[in-house]
Amino acid sequence: MASKTNPFAFLQQVRAEIAKVTWPTRRETMITTVMVFIMVVLAMLFFLLVDQTIGWLVARLLGLGG
């Protein structure tokens, strides 16, 4: 069985670990957010194109194209 940690010592360890965290700046957060939105739009366009192409091919193969 693992030894138990004193709650006060545990809180000290938590504070020490939190102090090691490097938070992104507002500018870094905004750049990352914009990059995510750009990638989402690119993925959306890619899957739209693939979906339309596959739909068109299936319609042609099944003779549903009019």
C-alpha atoms as a PDB file:
ATOM      1  CA  MET A   1       0.000   0.000   0.000  1.00  0.00           C
ATOM      2  CA  ALA A   2       1.325   3.470  -0.844  1.00  0.00           C
ATOM      3  CA  SER A   3       2.211   5.831   1.977  1.00  0.00           C
ATOM      4  CA  LYS A   4      -0.257   8.602   2.654  1.00  0.00           C
ATOM      5  CA  THR A   5       0.726  12.210   2.002  1.00  0.00           C
ATOM      6  CA  ASN A   6      -0.025  14.924   4.482  1.00  0.00           C
ATOM      7  CA  PRO A   7      -2.781  17.191   2.996  1.00  0.00           C
ATOM      8  CA  PHE A   8      -0.655  20.290   3.690  1.00  0.00           C
ATOM      9  CA  ALA A   9       2.350  18.749   1.911  1.00  0.00           C
ATOM     10  CA  PHE A  10       0.088  17.720  -0.962  1.00  0.00           C
ATOM     11  CA  LEU A  11      -1.164  21.305  -1.389  1.00  0.00           C
ATOM     12  CA  GLN A  12       2.429  22.553  -1.361  1.00  0.00           C
ATOM     13  CA  GLN A  13       3.300  20.057  -4.100  1.00  0.00           C
ATOM     14  CA  VAL A  14       0.286  21.147  -6.147  1.00  0.00           C
ATOM     15  CA  ARG A  15       1.284  24.820  -5.842  1.00  0.00           C
ATOM     16  CA  ALA A  16       4.855  23.949  -6.877  1.00  0.00           C
ATOM     17  CA  GLU A  17       3.606  22.115  -9.961  1.00  0.00           C
ATOM     18  CA  ILE A  18       1.221  24.951 -10.898  1.00  0.00           C
ATOM     19  CA  ALA A  19       4.134  27.379 -10.680  1.00  0.00           C
ATOM     20  CA  LYS A  20       5.945  25.334 -13.366  1.00  0.00           C
ATOM     21  CA  VAL A  21       3.098  25.780 -15.878  1.00  0.00           C
ATOM     22  CA  THR A  22       3.815  28.229 -18.694  1.00  0.00           C
ATOM     23  CA  TRP A  23       0.605  29.812 -19.888  1.00  0.00           C
ATOM     24  CA  PRO A  24       0.281  31.055 -23.487  1.00  0.00           C
ATOM     25  CA  THR A  25       0.062  34.777 -24.101  1.00  0.00           C
ATOM     26  CA  ARG A  26      -3.114  36.333 -25.457  1.00  0.00           C
ATOM     27  CA  ARG A  27      -1.401  36.695 -28.858  1.00  0.00           C
ATOM     28  CA  GLU A  28      -0.390  33.006 -28.939  1.00  0.00           C
ATOM     29  CA  THR A  29      -3.931  31.998 -27.998  1.00  0.00           C
ATOM     30  CA  MET A  30      -5.446  34.153 -30.756  1.00  0.00           C
ATOM     31  CA  ILE A  31      -3.007  32.844 -33.396  1.00  0.00           C
ATOM     32  CA  THR A  32      -3.710  29.249 -32.394  1.00  0.00           C
ATOM     33  CA  THR A  33      -7.465  29.879 -32.459  1.00  0.00           C
ATOM     34  CA  VAL A  34      -7.289  31.374 -35.955  1.00  0.00           C
ATOM     35  CA  MET A  35      -5.171  28.439 -37.139  1.00  0.00           C
ATOM     36  CA  VAL A  36      -7.747  25.984 -35.780  1.00  0.00           C
ATOM     37  CA  PHE A  37     -10.584  27.795 -37.592  1.00  0.00           C
ATOM     38  CA  ILE A  38      -8.591  27.801 -40.851  1.00  0.00           C
ATOM     39  CA  MET A  39      -7.934  24.051 -40.542  1.00  0.00           C
ATOM     40  CA  VAL A  40     -11.620  23.417 -39.810  1.00  0.00           C
ATOM     41  CA  VAL A  41     -12.643  25.321 -42.954  1.00  0.00           C
ATOM     42  CA  LEU A  42     -10.058  23.450 -45.057  1.00  0.00           C
ATOM     43  CA  ALA A  43     -11.225  20.098 -43.681  1.00  0.00           C
ATOM     44  CA  MET A  44     -14.847  21.082 -44.318  1.00  0.00           C
ATOM     45  CA  LEU A  45     -14.092  21.989 -47.939  1.00  0.00           C
ATOM     46  CA  PHE A  46     -12.104  18.788 -48.475  1.00  0.00           C
ATOM     47  CA  PHE A  47     -14.873  16.549 -47.136  1.00  0.00           C
ATOM     48  CA  LEU A  48     -17.526  18.494 -49.053  1.00  0.00           C
ATOM     49  CA  LEU A  49     -15.571  17.938 -52.287  1.00  0.00           C
ATOM     50  CA  VAL A  50     -15.038  14.240 -51.556  1.00  0.00           C
ATOM     51  CA  ASP A  51     -18.715  13.772 -50.623  1.00  0.00           C
ATOM     52  CA  GLN A  52     -19.938  15.520 -53.763  1.00  0.00           C
ATOM     53  CA  THR A  53     -17.554  13.512 -55.952  1.00  0.00           C
ATOM     54  CA  ILE A  54     -18.542  10.178 -54.445  1.00  0.00           C
ATOM     55  CA  GLY A  55     -22.232  11.102 -54.668  1.00  0.00           C
ATOM     56  CA  TRP A  56     -21.838  12.035 -58.335  1.00  0.00           C
ATOM     57  CA  LEU A  57     -19.980   8.765 -59.112  1.00  0.00           C
ATOM     58  CA  VAL A  58     -22.572   6.630 -57.338  1.00  0.00           C
ATOM     59  CA  ALA A  59     -25.411   8.420 -59.146  1.00  0.00           C
ATOM     60  CA  ARG A  60     -23.685   7.798 -62.500  1.00  0.00           C
ATOM     61  CA  LEU A  61     -23.009   4.129 -61.689  1.00  0.00           C
ATOM     62  CA  LEU A  62     -26.612   3.511 -60.638  1.00  0.00           C
ATOM     63  CA  GLY A  63     -28.043   5.463 -63.541  1.00  0.00           C
ATOM     64  CA  LEU A  64     -29.743   8.012 -61.331  1.00  0.00           C
ATOM     65  CA  GLY A  65     -28.141  10.964 -63.053  1.00  0.00           C
ATOM     66  CA  GLY A  66     -31.047  11.644 -65.383  1.00  0.00           C
END
